[in-house]
Amino acid sequence: MQVDREIDTRGLNCPLPILKAKKSLNDMASGQLLKVVSTDPGSVRDFQAFARQTGNELVAQETVGSDFIHVLKRR
């Protein structure tokens, strides 16, 4: 999957990964993809709720080792 921007939020706990994602999405064009890498297990649930609330599409979520990877599509 080709992403347009990636942010590393490893070591940060809620709500910081969401806040950083929101800030990045605000600087992106509609349809672009943002990849967020987090180590917070709660981020899986948080990004699902964030996508529902903001209208941005949660394209993918996966766990790789201790990392939780979220890919959001800018609305």
N, C-alpha and C. Protein backbone atom coordinates (compact mmCIF):
# COMPACT_ATOMS: atom_id res chain seq x y z
N MET A 1 0.85 -1.18 0.00
CA MET A 1 0.00 0.00 0.00
C MET A 1 0.89 1.24 0.00
N GLN A 2 0.63 2.15 -0.91
CA GLN A 2 1.41 3.38 -1.02
C GLN A 2 0.77 4.47 -0.15
N VAL A 3 1.49 4.89 0.89
CA VAL A 3 0.97 5.94 1.77
C VAL A 3 1.62 7.27 1.41
N ASP A 4 0.92 8.35 1.67
CA ASP A 4 1.41 9.68 1.36
C ASP A 4 2.22 10.29 2.51
N ARG A 5 1.92 9.87 3.72
CA ARG A 5 2.63 10.38 4.89
C ARG A 5 2.61 9.32 5.97
N GLU A 6 3.69 9.28 6.76
CA GLU A 6 3.77 8.33 7.87
C GLU A 6 4.21 9.08 9.11
N ILE A 7 3.55 8.79 10.24
CA ILE A 7 3.99 9.37 11.50
C ILE A 7 4.25 8.25 12.51
N ASP A 8 5.27 8.45 13.31
CA ASP A 8 5.68 7.48 14.33
C ASP A 8 5.25 8.01 15.69
N THR A 9 4.30 7.33 16.31
CA THR A 9 3.84 7.74 17.64
C THR A 9 4.19 6.69 18.68
N ARG A 10 5.23 5.89 18.41
CA ARG A 10 5.65 4.86 19.38
C ARG A 10 6.02 5.52 20.69
N GLY A 11 5.60 4.89 21.78
CA GLY A 11 5.90 5.39 23.12
C GLY A 11 4.91 6.42 23.63
N LEU A 12 3.99 6.87 22.77
CA LEU A 12 2.99 7.84 23.19
C LEU A 12 1.68 7.13 23.50
N ASN A 13 1.00 7.59 24.53
CA ASN A 13 -0.28 7.00 24.90
C ASN A 13 -1.42 7.95 24.54
N CYS A 14 -2.62 7.41 24.51
CA CYS A 14 -3.83 8.16 24.20
C CYS A 14 -3.87 9.41 25.06
N PRO A 15 -4.23 10.53 24.53
CA PRO A 15 -4.77 10.76 23.18
C PRO A 15 -3.72 11.25 22.17
N LEU A 16 -2.44 11.20 22.52
CA LEU A 16 -1.42 11.80 21.65
C LEU A 16 -1.35 11.21 20.24
N PRO A 17 -1.43 9.88 20.04
CA PRO A 17 -1.42 9.38 18.65
C PRO A 17 -2.58 9.94 17.82
N ILE A 18 -3.76 10.06 18.42
CA ILE A 18 -4.92 10.61 17.72
C ILE A 18 -4.70 12.08 17.39
N LEU A 19 -4.19 12.84 18.35
CA LEU A 19 -3.96 14.26 18.12
C LEU A 19 -2.94 14.50 17.02
N LYS A 20 -1.87 13.71 17.01
CA LYS A 20 -0.85 13.85 15.97
C LYS A 20 -1.42 13.45 14.60
N ALA A 21 -2.25 12.42 14.58
CA ALA A 21 -2.88 12.00 13.32
C ALA A 21 -3.81 13.09 12.81
N LYS A 22 -4.59 13.67 13.72
CA LYS A 22 -5.53 14.72 13.32
C LYS A 22 -4.78 15.91 12.73
N LYS A 23 -3.67 16.29 13.35
CA LYS A 23 -2.87 17.42 12.86
C LYS A 23 -2.30 17.11 11.47
N SER A 24 -1.81 15.90 11.28
CA SER A 24 -1.26 15.51 9.98
C SER A 24 -2.35 15.48 8.91
N LEU A 25 -3.52 14.93 9.25
CA LEU A 25 -4.61 14.85 8.28
C LEU A 25 -5.07 16.24 7.84
N ASN A 26 -5.02 17.20 8.75
CA ASN A 26 -5.43 18.57 8.41
C ASN A 26 -4.54 19.18 7.34
N ASP A 27 -3.30 18.73 7.24
CA ASP A 27 -2.34 19.25 6.26
C ASP A 27 -2.32 18.43 4.97
N MET A 28 -3.21 17.46 4.86
CA MET A 28 -3.21 16.56 3.70
C MET A 28 -4.42 16.84 2.80
N ALA A 29 -4.28 16.43 1.54
CA ALA A 29 -5.38 16.60 0.58
C ALA A 29 -6.36 15.43 0.70
N SER A 30 -7.58 15.67 0.26
CA SER A 30 -8.61 14.64 0.28
C SER A 30 -8.15 13.42 -0.52
N GLY A 31 -8.33 12.22 0.06
CA GLY A 31 -7.96 10.98 -0.62
C GLY A 31 -6.56 10.50 -0.31
N GLN A 32 -5.74 11.34 0.32
CA GLN A 32 -4.38 10.90 0.65
C GLN A 32 -4.41 9.95 1.84
N LEU A 33 -3.38 9.10 1.93
CA LEU A 33 -3.30 8.09 2.99
C LEU A 33 -2.25 8.47 4.03
N LEU A 34 -2.62 8.31 5.29
CA LEU A 34 -1.74 8.55 6.43
C LEU A 34 -1.54 7.24 7.17
N LYS A 35 -0.27 6.88 7.39
CA LYS A 35 0.07 5.69 8.17
C LYS A 35 0.55 6.15 9.55
N VAL A 36 -0.05 5.58 10.59
CA VAL A 36 0.32 5.91 11.96
C VAL A 36 0.84 4.63 12.63
N VAL A 37 2.05 4.70 13.17
CA VAL A 37 2.64 3.56 13.89
C VAL A 37 2.62 3.90 15.37
N SER A 38 2.02 3.02 16.16
CA SER A 38 1.84 3.25 17.59
C SER A 38 2.22 2.00 18.38
N THR A 39 2.54 2.20 19.66
CA THR A 39 2.78 1.06 20.55
C THR A 39 1.68 0.96 21.62
N ASP A 40 0.69 1.86 21.55
CA ASP A 40 -0.40 1.88 22.52
C ASP A 40 -1.50 0.90 22.09
N PRO A 41 -1.71 -0.19 22.85
CA PRO A 41 -2.75 -1.16 22.47
C PRO A 41 -4.13 -0.53 22.36
N GLY A 42 -4.40 0.52 23.12
CA GLY A 42 -5.68 1.19 23.06
C GLY A 42 -5.90 1.96 21.76
N SER A 43 -4.83 2.14 21.00
CA SER A 43 -4.94 2.91 19.76
C SER A 43 -5.81 2.19 18.73
N VAL A 44 -5.90 0.87 18.81
CA VAL A 44 -6.73 0.12 17.86
C VAL A 44 -8.18 0.60 17.97
N ARG A 45 -8.69 0.60 19.16
CA ARG A 45 -10.06 1.05 19.44
C ARG A 45 -10.20 2.55 19.20
N ASP A 46 -9.17 3.31 19.61
CA ASP A 46 -9.22 4.76 19.47
C ASP A 46 -9.32 5.19 18.01
N PHE A 47 -8.54 4.56 17.13
CA PHE A 47 -8.56 4.96 15.73
C PHE A 47 -9.87 4.55 15.05
N GLN A 48 -10.48 3.46 15.50
CA GLN A 48 -11.78 3.06 14.96
C GLN A 48 -12.82 4.14 15.30
N ALA A 49 -12.81 4.60 16.55
CA ALA A 49 -13.75 5.64 16.98
C ALA A 49 -13.44 6.97 16.28
N PHE A 50 -12.17 7.29 16.14
CA PHE A 50 -11.75 8.53 15.48
C PHE A 50 -12.26 8.58 14.05
N ALA A 51 -12.13 7.47 13.34
CA ALA A 51 -12.58 7.41 11.94
C ALA A 51 -14.10 7.61 11.86
N ARG A 52 -14.84 6.94 12.74
CA ARG A 52 -16.30 7.10 12.76
C ARG A 52 -16.70 8.55 13.03
N GLN A 53 -16.03 9.18 13.98
CA GLN A 53 -16.40 10.53 14.41
C GLN A 53 -16.01 11.60 13.40
N THR A 54 -14.93 11.40 12.65
CA THR A 54 -14.41 12.46 11.77
C THR A 54 -14.77 12.27 10.31
N GLY A 55 -15.21 11.06 9.94
CA GLY A 55 -15.53 10.81 8.54
C GLY A 55 -14.33 10.41 7.70
N ASN A 56 -13.15 10.35 8.32
CA ASN A 56 -11.99 9.82 7.62
C ASN A 56 -12.11 8.30 7.60
N GLU A 57 -11.65 7.68 6.53
CA GLU A 57 -11.80 6.22 6.40
C GLU A 57 -10.61 5.50 7.01
N LEU A 58 -10.89 4.52 7.86
CA LEU A 58 -9.85 3.66 8.41
C LEU A 58 -9.66 2.52 7.41
N VAL A 59 -8.61 2.63 6.60
CA VAL A 59 -8.39 1.70 5.50
C VAL A 59 -7.84 0.37 5.99
N ALA A 60 -6.93 0.42 6.98
CA ALA A 60 -6.30 -0.81 7.45
C ALA A 60 -5.81 -0.64 8.88
N GLN A 61 -5.80 -1.76 9.60
CA GLN A 61 -5.18 -1.84 10.92
C GLN A 61 -4.49 -3.18 11.00
N GLU A 62 -3.26 -3.18 11.51
CA GLU A 62 -2.58 -4.45 11.71
C GLU A 62 -1.61 -4.32 12.87
N THR A 63 -1.28 -5.47 13.44
CA THR A 63 -0.31 -5.54 14.52
C THR A 63 0.92 -6.26 14.01
N VAL A 64 2.07 -5.59 14.15
CA VAL A 64 3.34 -6.18 13.72
C VAL A 64 4.27 -6.12 14.93
N GLY A 65 4.48 -7.27 15.56
CA GLY A 65 5.27 -7.30 16.79
C GLY A 65 4.57 -6.48 17.86
N SER A 66 5.27 -5.47 18.39
CA SER A 66 4.66 -4.62 19.42
C SER A 66 4.08 -3.33 18.83
N ASP A 67 4.09 -3.23 17.49
CA ASP A 67 3.58 -2.03 16.82
C ASP A 67 2.15 -2.25 16.33
N PHE A 68 1.36 -1.20 16.47
CA PHE A 68 0.00 -1.19 15.94
C PHE A 68 0.00 -0.18 14.79
N ILE A 69 -0.36 -0.64 13.61
CA ILE A 69 -0.29 0.19 12.41
C ILE A 69 -1.71 0.51 11.94
N HIS A 70 -1.94 1.80 11.72
CA HIS A 70 -3.26 2.28 11.29
C HIS A 70 -3.06 3.08 10.01
N VAL A 71 -3.91 2.85 9.03
CA VAL A 71 -3.85 3.63 7.79
C VAL A 71 -5.20 4.31 7.61
N LEU A 72 -5.15 5.64 7.54
CA LEU A 72 -6.35 6.46 7.41
C LEU A 72 -6.36 7.16 6.06
N LYS A 73 -7.53 7.24 5.47
CA LYS A 73 -7.71 7.97 4.21
C LYS A 73 -8.41 9.28 4.51
N ARG A 74 -7.78 10.38 4.12
CA ARG A 74 -8.33 11.71 4.37
C ARG A 74 -9.65 11.90 3.64
N ARG A 75 -10.65 12.37 4.34
CA ARG A 75 -11.97 12.59 3.72
C ARG A 75 -11.95 13.77 2.78
